Amino acid sequence: MAKNRPNPDNRSDNVEKLQAMVHNTLENIEAAEETAALAGPEERQKIKAKNEKRKQSLNGFREEIKDEASKRQN
């Protein structure tokens, strides 16, 4: 019977993955804003709330990028 072993922690591409997440989130915000322009007031409010959460996520991603980049240098 094989033992379940965790995969080793490979952080070599974390910065790139996080940068891709930032890029994708920015694209999602832009697409949602375009959709909001055509939506009714209730839907527009939902989109606005979701975009605010996305913007908060961007801040977190950027902090993680800084952390990972500094760890990479050390």
Protein backbone atom coordinates (compact mmCIF):
# COMPACT_ATOMS: atom_id res chain seq x y z
CA MET A 1 0.00 0.00 0.00
CA ALA A 2 1.45 3.37 -1.05
CA LYS A 3 1.80 6.12 1.51
CA ASN A 4 0.39 9.54 0.71
CA ARG A 5 3.26 11.97 0.91
CA PRO A 6 2.85 15.68 0.45
CA ASN A 7 4.47 17.23 -2.58
CA PRO A 8 7.60 19.24 -1.84
CA ASP A 9 7.09 22.97 -1.51
CA ASN A 10 8.13 24.41 -4.88
CA ARG A 11 7.92 28.19 -4.84
CA SER A 12 10.10 28.80 -7.87
CA ASP A 13 7.24 30.11 -10.02
CA ASN A 14 4.98 31.68 -7.40
CA VAL A 15 5.74 35.25 -8.54
CA GLU A 16 4.78 34.42 -12.12
CA LYS A 17 1.60 32.65 -11.03
CA LEU A 18 0.61 35.59 -8.84
CA GLN A 19 1.32 38.04 -11.67
CA ALA A 20 -0.93 35.99 -13.94
CA MET A 21 -3.64 36.10 -11.28
CA VAL A 22 -3.33 39.90 -11.10
CA HIS A 23 -3.61 40.13 -14.88
CA ASN A 24 -6.66 37.85 -14.99
CA THR A 25 -8.35 39.75 -12.17
CA LEU A 26 -7.80 43.07 -13.95
CA GLU A 27 -9.34 41.60 -17.10
CA ASN A 28 -12.32 40.36 -15.08
CA ILE A 29 -12.83 43.80 -13.57
CA GLU A 30 -12.77 45.41 -16.99
CA ALA A 31 -15.20 42.87 -18.47
CA ALA A 32 -17.55 43.30 -15.51
CA GLU A 33 -17.51 47.08 -15.92
CA GLU A 34 -18.47 46.68 -19.57
CA THR A 35 -21.32 44.37 -18.56
CA ALA A 36 -22.42 46.80 -15.84
CA ALA A 37 -22.89 49.51 -18.44
CA LEU A 38 -25.64 47.40 -20.00
CA ALA A 39 -27.14 46.04 -16.78
CA GLY A 40 -30.05 47.21 -14.70
CA PRO A 41 -29.53 49.01 -11.39
CA GLU A 42 -29.71 45.89 -9.20
CA GLU A 43 -27.29 43.89 -11.34
CA ARG A 44 -25.00 46.92 -11.62
CA GLN A 45 -24.80 47.10 -7.82
CA LYS A 46 -23.90 43.38 -7.61
CA ILE A 47 -21.16 43.86 -10.21
CA LYS A 48 -19.81 46.88 -8.35
CA ALA A 49 -19.65 44.90 -5.09
CA LYS A 50 -17.89 42.00 -6.79
CA ASN A 51 -15.37 44.34 -8.39
CA GLU A 52 -14.61 45.84 -4.98
CA LYS A 53 -13.78 42.35 -3.70
CA ARG A 54 -11.60 41.81 -6.76
CA LYS A 55 -9.73 45.05 -6.04
CA GLN A 56 -9.12 43.90 -2.47
CA SER A 57 -7.77 40.63 -3.83
CA LEU A 58 -5.42 42.57 -6.10
CA ASN A 59 -3.91 44.26 -3.06
CA GLY A 60 -3.34 40.87 -1.46
CA PHE A 61 -1.81 39.43 -4.63
CA ARG A 62 0.56 42.37 -4.89
CA GLU A 63 1.68 41.95 -1.28
CA GLU A 64 2.30 38.25 -1.90
CA ILE A 65 4.30 39.09 -5.01
CA LYS A 66 6.52 41.39 -2.93
CA ASP A 67 6.98 38.69 -0.29
CA GLU A 68 7.76 35.97 -2.81
CA ALA A 69 10.14 38.20 -4.76
CA SER A 70 12.07 39.08 -1.62
CA LYS A 71 12.26 35.40 -0.61
CA ARG A 72 13.55 34.58 -4.08
CA GLN A 73 16.38 37.11 -3.65
CA ASN A 74 17.48 35.61 -0.31
